[in-house]
Protein backbone atom coordinates (compact mmCIF):
# COMPACT_ATOMS: atom_id res chain seq x y z
CA MET A 1 6.36 36.17 21.25
CA ASN A 2 8.76 33.85 19.47
CA ASN A 3 8.64 31.40 22.29
CA GLN A 4 4.89 31.23 22.09
CA VAL A 5 5.01 30.59 18.26
CA ASN A 6 7.69 27.94 18.76
CA GLU A 7 5.47 26.18 21.35
CA ILE A 8 2.49 26.23 19.15
CA ASN A 9 4.40 24.75 16.38
CA GLN A 10 5.90 22.08 18.50
CA SER A 11 2.48 21.15 19.78
CA VAL A 12 1.20 21.04 16.16
CA LEU A 13 4.10 18.61 15.12
CA THR A 14 3.54 16.48 18.09
CA SER A 15 -0.10 16.07 17.39
CA ARG A 16 0.74 14.99 13.72
CA PHE A 17 3.16 12.59 15.04
CA ILE A 18 0.71 11.03 17.55
CA VAL A 19 -1.88 10.52 14.71
CA PHE A 20 0.80 8.97 12.42
CA TYR A 21 1.80 6.44 15.15
CA PHE A 22 -1.78 5.90 16.21
CA VAL A 23 -2.68 4.93 12.55
CA MET A 24 0.18 2.78 12.06
CA LEU A 25 -0.17 0.75 15.39
CA ALA A 26 -4.12 0.58 15.01
CA SER A 27 -3.89 -0.79 11.23
CA ASN A 28 -1.24 -3.27 12.23
CA PHE A 29 -2.54 -4.68 15.53
CA LEU A 30 -6.18 -4.34 15.63
CA THR A 31 -8.56 -6.33 13.44
CA PRO A 32 -9.98 -4.78 10.24
CA ASN A 33 -13.51 -4.61 11.96
CA LEU A 34 -12.14 -2.41 14.69
CA PHE A 35 -9.39 -0.25 13.03
CA SER A 36 -11.00 0.71 9.75
CA PRO A 37 -14.13 2.49 11.38
CA ILE A 38 -11.68 4.11 13.88
CA ILE A 39 -9.52 5.56 11.13
CA ILE A 40 -12.58 6.75 9.20
CA MET A 41 -14.00 8.48 12.21
CA LEU A 42 -10.51 9.84 12.80
CA ALA A 43 -10.47 11.31 9.34
CA LEU A 44 -13.92 12.68 9.76
CA PHE A 45 -13.02 14.40 13.04
CA LEU A 46 -10.08 16.08 11.42
CA PHE A 47 -11.99 16.86 8.41
CA GLY A 48 -14.64 18.51 10.69
CA VAL A 49 -12.08 20.66 12.70
CA PHE A 50 -9.84 21.76 9.78
CA ILE A 51 -12.54 21.95 7.09
CA LYS A 52 -11.57 25.30 6.13
CA LYS A 53 -8.06 24.04 5.17
CA ILE A 54 -9.18 21.27 2.75
CA LYS A 55 -7.07 21.43 -0.38
CA LYS A 56 -8.26 21.22 -3.86
CA SER A 57 -5.47 19.11 -4.73
CA TYR A 58 -6.83 16.44 -2.22
CA VAL A 59 -10.21 16.59 -3.77
CA ARG A 60 -8.86 16.11 -7.14
CA ILE A 61 -6.81 13.07 -6.10
CA VAL A 62 -9.67 11.29 -4.40
CA LEU A 63 -12.36 12.21 -6.84
CA PRO A 64 -12.12 8.94 -8.68
CA LEU A 65 -12.23 6.82 -5.35
CA MET A 66 -15.36 8.78 -4.57
CA GLY A 67 -16.49 7.51 -7.96
CA VAL A 68 -16.08 4.06 -6.74
CA PHE A 69 -17.90 4.74 -3.55
CA CYS A 70 -20.91 6.16 -5.63
CA LEU A 71 -20.96 3.31 -7.99
CA GLY A 72 -21.12 0.79 -5.11
CA LEU A 73 -24.12 2.48 -3.53
CA ILE A 74 -26.27 2.52 -6.68
CA THR A 75 -27.45 -1.07 -6.42
CA SER A 76 -26.75 -1.95 -2.91
CA LEU A 77 -29.97 -1.74 -1.21
CA SER A 78 -31.14 -5.28 -1.87
CA TYR A 79 -28.16 -6.82 0.20
CA ARG A 80 -27.70 -7.63 3.78
CA ILE A 81 -26.93 -4.38 5.79
CA TRP A 82 -23.67 -5.89 7.27
CA ASP A 83 -22.34 -6.70 3.87
CA ILE A 84 -23.25 -3.25 2.62
CA GLU A 85 -21.55 -1.56 5.60
CA ARG A 86 -18.12 -3.74 5.19
CA ASP A 87 -17.91 -2.63 1.38
CA ILE A 88 -18.67 1.02 2.41
CA THR A 89 -15.87 0.74 4.83
CA PHE A 90 -13.43 -0.63 2.35
CA ALA A 91 -14.29 2.28 -0.11
CA LEU A 92 -13.91 5.13 2.46
CA TYR A 93 -10.70 3.67 4.11
CA PRO A 94 -8.31 4.81 1.37
CA ILE A 95 -10.02 8.28 1.01
CA SER A 96 -9.67 8.65 4.81
CA LEU A 97 -5.84 7.69 4.88
CA ILE A 98 -4.97 9.87 2.20
CA TYR A 99 -6.60 12.85 3.90
CA ILE A 100 -4.77 12.05 6.97
CA GLY A 101 -1.47 11.97 5.12
CA PHE A 102 -2.33 15.42 3.58
CA TRP A 103 -3.16 16.78 7.12
CA ILE A 104 0.16 15.42 8.70
CA ALA A 105 2.07 17.09 5.60
CA ASP A 106 0.37 20.35 5.94
CA SER A 107 2.35 21.39 8.94
CA LYS A 108 6.04 22.12 9.35
CA ILE A 109 7.12 18.58 9.63
CA ASP A 110 10.25 18.00 7.67
CA TRP A 111 10.05 15.19 5.32
CA ILE A 112 13.38 13.60 6.44
CA VAL A 113 12.15 13.72 9.94
CA PHE A 114 9.10 11.91 8.88
CA LEU A 115 11.00 9.22 7.02
CA LYS A 116 13.18 8.80 10.08
CA ASN A 117 10.06 8.02 12.12
CA ILE A 118 8.96 5.52 9.54
CA VAL A 119 12.31 3.73 9.95
CA PHE A 120 12.12 3.78 13.77
CA LEU A 121 8.60 2.11 13.61
CA GLY A 122 9.91 -0.46 11.07
CA LEU A 123 12.70 -1.36 13.57
CA ILE A 124 10.25 -1.60 16.41
CA PHE A 125 8.13 -4.03 14.03
CA SER A 126 11.02 -6.12 13.06
CA ILE A 127 12.13 -6.65 16.74
CA TYR A 128 8.58 -7.66 17.55
CA HIS A 129 8.64 -10.23 14.63
CA LEU A 130 12.02 -11.48 15.31
CA SER A 131 11.41 -11.90 19.03
CA GLN A 132 8.85 -14.74 18.18
CA PHE A 133 11.66 -16.68 16.69
CA ILE A 134 13.92 -16.17 19.49
CA LEU A 135 11.26 -17.25 21.95
CA ASN A 136 10.50 -20.43 19.93
CA PRO A 137 13.65 -21.26 17.68
CA ASN A 138 11.70 -24.50 16.48
CA LEU A 139 9.84 -22.28 14.23
CA LEU A 140 12.92 -22.12 12.14
CA SER A 141 12.37 -25.93 11.21
CA TYR A 142 8.77 -25.52 10.33
CA LYS A 143 7.40 -25.27 6.76
CA ILE A 144 7.01 -21.76 5.29
CA ASP A 145 3.22 -21.64 5.19
CA ASP A 146 2.92 -22.94 8.95
CA VAL A 147 5.44 -20.31 9.90
CA ARG A 148 3.29 -17.56 8.13
CA GLN A 149 0.21 -18.88 9.92
CA ILE A 150 1.72 -19.07 13.34
CA VAL A 151 4.12 -16.03 13.53
CA ASN A 152 2.51 -12.45 13.82
CA ASN A 153 4.12 -10.12 11.26
CA PRO A 154 2.82 -6.70 11.57
CA GLY A 155 4.13 -3.84 9.85
CA GLY A 156 5.66 -5.68 6.86
CA ASN A 157 5.29 -2.64 4.71
CA LEU A 158 7.14 -0.37 7.11
CA ILE A 159 9.82 -3.01 7.49
CA ILE A 160 10.14 -3.04 3.49
CA ILE A 161 10.38 0.77 3.17
CA SER A 162 12.71 1.03 6.19
CA LEU A 163 15.08 -1.55 4.73
CA VAL A 164 15.01 0.12 1.36
CA LEU A 165 15.60 3.57 2.63
CA GLY A 166 18.33 2.17 5.02
CA LEU A 167 20.25 0.42 2.10
CA LEU A 168 19.98 3.68 -0.06
CA GLN A 169 20.31 6.26 2.71
CA TYR A 170 23.61 7.65 1.49
CA ARG A 171 22.66 7.42 -2.29
CA ILE A 172 19.51 9.62 -1.39
CA GLY A 173 21.57 11.91 0.88
CA ILE A 174 20.23 11.25 4.31
CA THR A 175 23.26 10.59 6.76
CA ASP A 176 21.38 9.95 10.09
CA LEU A 177 18.41 7.80 9.18
CA PHE A 178 18.63 5.46 12.00
CA PRO A 179 18.09 6.40 15.82
CA LYS A 180 21.32 7.17 17.62
CA PHE A 181 21.00 4.13 20.00
CA ILE A 182 20.85 1.78 17.05
CA PRO A 183 23.77 1.79 14.79
CA ARG A 184 23.13 1.50 11.09
CA TYR A 185 24.60 -1.96 10.67
CA LEU A 186 22.51 -3.24 13.55
CA GLY A 187 19.44 -1.61 12.16
CA LEU A 188 19.98 -2.91 8.66
CA SER A 189 20.52 -6.59 10.14
CA LEU A 190 17.24 -6.57 12.09
CA LEU A 191 15.20 -5.22 9.15
CA LEU A 192 16.88 -7.46 6.57
CA LEU A 193 16.64 -10.76 8.85
CA SER A 194 12.83 -9.90 9.59
CA PHE A 195 12.37 -9.37 5.84
CA ILE A 196 13.89 -12.87 5.03
CA LEU A 197 11.82 -14.42 7.64
CA SER A 198 8.49 -13.08 6.37
CA PHE A 199 8.76 -15.25 3.48
CA SER A 200 6.79 -12.89 1.31
CA ARG A 201 7.12 -13.05 -2.53
CA THR A 202 5.08 -10.05 -2.75
CA GLY A 203 7.44 -8.18 -0.23
CA LEU A 204 10.35 -9.23 -2.54
CA LEU A 205 8.76 -7.74 -5.51
CA MET A 206 7.80 -4.59 -3.59
CA SER A 207 11.36 -4.09 -2.43
CA ILE A 208 12.63 -4.40 -5.92
CA LEU A 209 10.17 -1.81 -7.21
CA LEU A 210 11.07 0.73 -4.33
CA ILE A 211 14.91 0.28 -5.00
CA ILE A 212 14.44 0.75 -8.80
CA SER A 213 12.34 3.83 -8.12
CA LEU A 214 14.68 5.52 -5.58
CA LEU A 215 17.36 5.00 -7.85
CA GLY A 216 15.71 6.85 -10.64
CA LEU A 217 15.61 4.01 -12.99
CA VAL A 218 12.02 4.51 -13.46
CA ASN A 219 12.46 8.04 -14.91
CA ARG A 220 15.03 6.82 -17.64
CA ILE A 221 14.65 3.76 -19.81
CA ASN A 222 17.96 2.54 -21.04
CA TRP A 223 19.84 -0.78 -21.94
CA LYS A 224 20.73 -1.36 -18.26
CA MET A 225 17.10 -1.09 -17.17
CA ILE A 226 15.83 -3.39 -20.15
CA ILE A 227 18.52 -6.05 -19.21
CA THR A 228 17.76 -6.04 -15.61
CA LEU A 229 13.93 -6.35 -16.32
CA VAL A 230 14.70 -9.22 -18.86
CA LEU A 231 16.87 -11.00 -16.24
CA ILE A 232 14.21 -10.65 -13.83
CA VAL A 233 11.66 -12.09 -15.99
CA ILE A 234 13.82 -15.05 -17.30
CA SER A 235 14.64 -15.73 -13.61
CA PHE A 236 11.08 -16.29 -12.75
CA PHE A 237 10.48 -18.36 -15.90
CA ILE A 238 13.53 -20.62 -14.85
CA ILE A 239 11.97 -20.89 -11.41
CA ILE A 240 8.69 -21.86 -12.95
CA GLN A 241 10.24 -24.48 -15.28
CA ILE A 242 12.58 -26.28 -12.70
CA THR A 243 9.77 -26.38 -9.88
CA PRO A 244 7.87 -29.75 -9.90
CA THR A 245 4.20 -29.39 -10.23
CA ASP A 246 3.68 -31.47 -7.09
CA GLU A 247 5.84 -29.37 -4.90
CA VAL A 248 4.08 -27.42 -2.25
CA GLY A 249 4.93 -25.49 0.88
CA THR A 250 8.34 -24.02 -0.42
CA PHE A 251 9.25 -20.60 -1.31
CA ARG A 252 10.16 -21.68 -4.76
CA SER A 253 6.74 -23.38 -5.35
CA LYS A 254 4.97 -20.26 -4.12
CA ILE A 255 6.73 -18.03 -6.64
CA SER A 256 5.97 -20.66 -9.42
CA ASN A 257 2.19 -20.57 -8.58
CA THR A 258 2.05 -16.74 -8.32
CA PHE A 259 0.97 -16.08 -12.06
CA ARG A 260 -1.63 -18.88 -12.10
CA GLU A 261 -3.00 -17.80 -8.68
CA LEU A 262 -3.61 -14.13 -10.03
CA ALA A 263 -5.31 -15.13 -13.07
CA ILE A 264 -8.93 -13.80 -13.54
CA SER A 265 -11.05 -16.53 -15.26
CA ASP A 266 -13.91 -18.84 -14.67
CA TYR A 267 -12.24 -22.15 -13.49
CA GLN A 268 -14.08 -25.26 -13.93
CA ASP A 269 -11.71 -27.74 -12.29
CA MET A 270 -12.11 -28.12 -8.50
CA GLY A 271 -8.24 -28.26 -8.11
CA ASP A 272 -7.92 -24.93 -10.11
CA ILE A 273 -10.56 -23.42 -8.11
CA ASN A 274 -8.87 -24.24 -4.53
CA LEU A 275 -5.52 -23.04 -5.97
CA ASN A 276 -6.60 -19.99 -7.78
CA TYR A 277 -9.67 -18.77 -5.94
CA ARG A 278 -8.09 -15.20 -6.14
CA GLY A 279 -8.96 -15.06 -9.78
CA PHE A 280 -12.42 -16.74 -9.62
CA VAL A 281 -15.08 -14.19 -10.65
CA THR A 282 -18.18 -14.74 -12.95
CA PHE A 283 -17.57 -11.35 -14.66
CA GLN A 284 -18.11 -12.78 -18.18
CA SER A 285 -21.53 -14.40 -17.42
CA SER A 286 -22.91 -11.18 -15.99
CA SER A 287 -25.41 -8.88 -17.75
CA LEU A 288 -24.26 -6.00 -19.48
CA LYS A 289 -25.53 -3.54 -16.74
CA GLN A 290 -23.63 -5.52 -14.05
CA GLN A 291 -20.44 -5.44 -16.13
CA ILE A 292 -20.55 -1.86 -16.31
CA LEU A 293 -21.79 -0.73 -13.03
CA GLY A 294 -21.08 -3.94 -11.04
CA ASN A 295 -23.37 -5.62 -8.40
CA GLY A 296 -23.08 -3.10 -5.78
CA PHE A 297 -21.75 -2.94 -2.31
CA GLY A 298 -22.95 -6.00 -0.26
CA SER A 299 -23.11 -8.31 -3.20
CA LEU A 300 -21.48 -11.83 -2.98
CA LEU A 301 -19.67 -13.94 -5.50
CA ASP A 302 -21.43 -17.29 -5.85
CA LEU A 303 -18.90 -19.87 -6.19
CA GLY A 304 -21.28 -22.57 -7.45
CA VAL A 305 -19.51 -25.08 -5.25
CA THR A 306 -18.57 -25.36 -1.58
CA LEU A 307 -15.05 -23.94 -1.20
CA ASN A 308 -12.95 -24.40 1.81
CA LEU A 309 -10.89 -21.26 2.53
CA ALA A 310 -8.83 -20.92 5.58
CA GLY A 311 -10.70 -24.08 7.11
CA ILE A 312 -14.16 -22.58 6.60
CA ASP A 313 -16.66 -23.82 3.89
CA TYR A 314 -17.97 -21.26 1.66
CA GLN A 315 -20.63 -21.17 -1.17
CA ALA A 316 -20.50 -17.44 -1.65
CA ILE A 317 -17.77 -15.05 -0.59
CA PRO A 318 -17.88 -11.13 -0.25
CA VAL A 319 -14.16 -10.38 -0.97
CA LEU A 320 -11.70 -11.61 -3.25
CA HIS A 321 -7.92 -11.47 -2.66
CA ASN A 322 -7.37 -9.96 -6.05
CA GLY A 323 -8.32 -6.25 -5.60
CA TYR A 324 -9.42 -5.62 -9.28
CA ALA A 325 -11.61 -8.66 -9.29
CA TYR A 326 -13.24 -7.47 -6.04
CA ILE A 327 -13.79 -3.88 -7.61
CA LEU A 328 -15.02 -5.39 -10.91
CA LEU A 329 -17.59 -7.49 -8.84
CA LYS A 330 -18.93 -4.62 -6.82
CA THR A 331 -18.39 -1.54 -9.22
CA GLY A 332 -17.85 -3.12 -12.63
CA LEU A 333 -15.82 -1.61 -15.36
CA LEU A 334 -16.45 1.84 -14.39
CA GLY A 335 -14.95 1.09 -11.00
CA ILE A 336 -11.84 -0.30 -12.60
CA LEU A 337 -11.71 2.79 -14.82
CA CYS A 338 -11.83 5.03 -11.69
CA TYR A 339 -8.98 3.19 -10.10
CA PHE A 340 -6.97 3.66 -13.45
CA ILE A 341 -7.76 7.33 -13.48
CA PHE A 342 -6.67 7.52 -9.77
CA TYR A 343 -3.31 5.85 -10.43
CA LEU A 344 -2.73 8.10 -13.36
CA LYS A 345 -3.47 11.32 -11.25
CA VAL A 346 -0.82 10.03 -8.60
CA LEU A 347 1.67 9.27 -11.24
CA LYS A 348 1.25 12.79 -12.82
CA TYR A 349 2.35 14.26 -9.60
CA ALA A 350 5.47 12.16 -9.73
CA PHE A 351 6.17 12.98 -13.33
CA THR A 352 5.95 16.74 -12.81
CA CYS A 353 9.09 16.46 -10.50
CA LYS A 354 10.94 13.63 -12.06
CA ASP A 355 13.65 15.94 -13.50
CA SER A 356 13.61 18.63 -10.74
CA ILE A 357 17.03 20.13 -9.64
CA ASN A 358 15.41 20.47 -6.13
CA GLU A 359 16.64 17.38 -4.28
CA GLU A 360 13.65 17.28 -1.95
CA ARG A 361 11.14 17.22 -4.82
CA LEU A 362 13.16 14.77 -6.83
CA LEU A 363 13.39 12.19 -3.90
CA LEU A 364 9.82 12.62 -3.07
CA SER A 365 8.66 12.00 -6.80
CA ARG A 366 10.69 8.87 -6.82
CA LEU A 367 9.44 7.51 -3.68
CA LEU A 368 6.00 8.37 -5.07
CA PHE A 369 6.68 6.47 -8.17
CA GLY A 370 7.65 3.47 -6.19
CA ILE A 371 4.62 3.68 -3.78
CA THR A 372 2.26 3.94 -6.55
CA PHE A 373 3.50 0.88 -8.39
CA CYS A 374 3.56 -1.11 -5.06
CA LEU A 375 -0.05 -0.15 -4.55
CA ILE A 376 -0.97 -1.32 -8.01
CA ILE A 377 0.64 -4.71 -7.59
CA TYR A 378 -0.62 -5.23 -3.98
CA MET A 379 -4.17 -4.92 -5.36
CA ILE A 380 -3.36 -8.02 -7.48
CA ALA A 381 -1.69 -9.85 -4.82
CA VAL A 382 -3.61 -9.31 -1.58
CA GLY A 383 -6.47 -6.85 -2.35
CA GLY A 384 -4.36 -3.77 -1.76
CA MET A 385 -6.02 -0.47 -0.76
CA SER A 386 -9.48 -1.48 -1.97
CA GLN A 387 -9.51 -4.06 0.76
CA LEU A 388 -7.81 -2.14 3.93
CA TYR A 389 -4.26 -3.35 3.16
CA CYS A 390 -1.29 -1.14 2.61
CA SER A 391 -2.21 1.54 5.11
CA GLU A 392 1.40 2.64 5.26
CA TYR A 393 1.72 3.28 1.49
CA VAL A 394 -1.64 4.90 1.23
CA LEU A 395 -0.98 7.42 4.18
CA LEU A 396 2.69 8.07 2.78
CA LEU A 397 1.04 8.73 -0.66
CA GLY A 398 -1.24 11.49 0.57
CA PHE A 399 1.75 12.88 2.68
CA ILE A 400 4.23 13.07 -0.31
CA ILE A 401 1.61 14.53 -2.66
CA ARG A 402 1.08 17.28 -0.23
CA LYS A 403 4.75 17.89 0.34
CA ILE A 404 5.45 18.05 -3.41
CA GLU A 405 2.82 20.64 -3.68
CA LYS A 406 3.88 22.67 -0.92
CA ASN A 407 7.39 22.63 -2.12
CA GLN A 408 6.37 23.83 -5.53
CA ILE A 409 4.54 26.67 -3.85
CA LEU A 410 7.44 27.64 -1.87
CA ASN A 411 9.79 27.82 -4.79
CA ILE A 412 7.38 29.89 -6.96
CA ASP A 413 7.17 32.29 -3.93
CA ILE A 414 10.80 32.42 -3.74
CA ASP A 415 11.15 33.13 -7.66
CA ASN A 416 8.59 35.78 -7.60
CA ASP A 417 10.31 37.41 -4.60
CA LYS A 418 13.45 37.46 -6.62
CA TYR A 419 11.97 39.15 -9.61
CA SER A 420 10.17 41.76 -7.51
CA HIS A 421 13.22 42.69 -5.60
CA PRO A 422 16.08 43.02 -8.33
């Protein structure tokens, strides 16, 4: 009997990991038009099979995102069907990933084993990334922008998470995070080198946020924290001041232009529009109804000019790189409010365990802090979870919330058992 139970449990764990690997590989190697409907259909299939096991906590978490979905549908009927379908996919994708994360965690998968699999995948992606430089060493002499266009760099977020976990593994109490056939020093070297050669300023910020969160610095504000933040801000301003305005193509110039690129305003100068198209949105000129409810799924942003993006001329665009500007265009201020509520709900889970004496809950809450802050920033930089990015973080968010919830239930049951059996 025990053998049968163990075999069933093992098959359940295996199926969970198969789904996890499939989602990670699909979202990193397939085009958005392919992987997004596949992931949504997978979530719907799992939802249909395990509908009796839908958790109230999942519904509470995704309710604001469902609000975004409903807002986008209100005024969407007047647009082209393929534009509407694209935005519907964007809205359903994070809801689906969070459910898959809940579903994976709703088994007996140990959270440390799950993190080990994340690190293993991160190593695989880093090796794939570095292999392109090995096969073509001349890439190292190219300009940064050219390298980023030529070299395929899938799994960047997994590499960042793996690198941070590897650097802090003893601090967070995990002794054997890396696979046995890859020593820690070799694994860290591969991850670090891949991270450096990604030339990602957003990735640099994400790694800092994750490190700060895992060290518990988010939970306690002190002079060291304040001084560190001040030094980081001063460093950015120094970089901006010493970078010539006509310098392009360098990592320093990309960091210098970050804040101007992310601004949301109505630019009038053509040069400003080309440089700062991420923030180009005509929100202020919209009607009061459009400002509150948005223009609906399928709506396009009329640029008023012909703008060349990635070699293609556009007069109107369906997607903005700034995720908040995108949500503002499609679902208005109410959509932004829904995302604000969503992040508050997630952070509430992290705050409930930030002072826990239980090591598992404490680490999970810190990791949840870091992932949430990363998602908030990623929406500004590259569209984030509102536009099919950050699949790794969104799935992990669902996994952690469910694990924290299960851990709390387990400890309550243990305490009740103690009191009922003096």
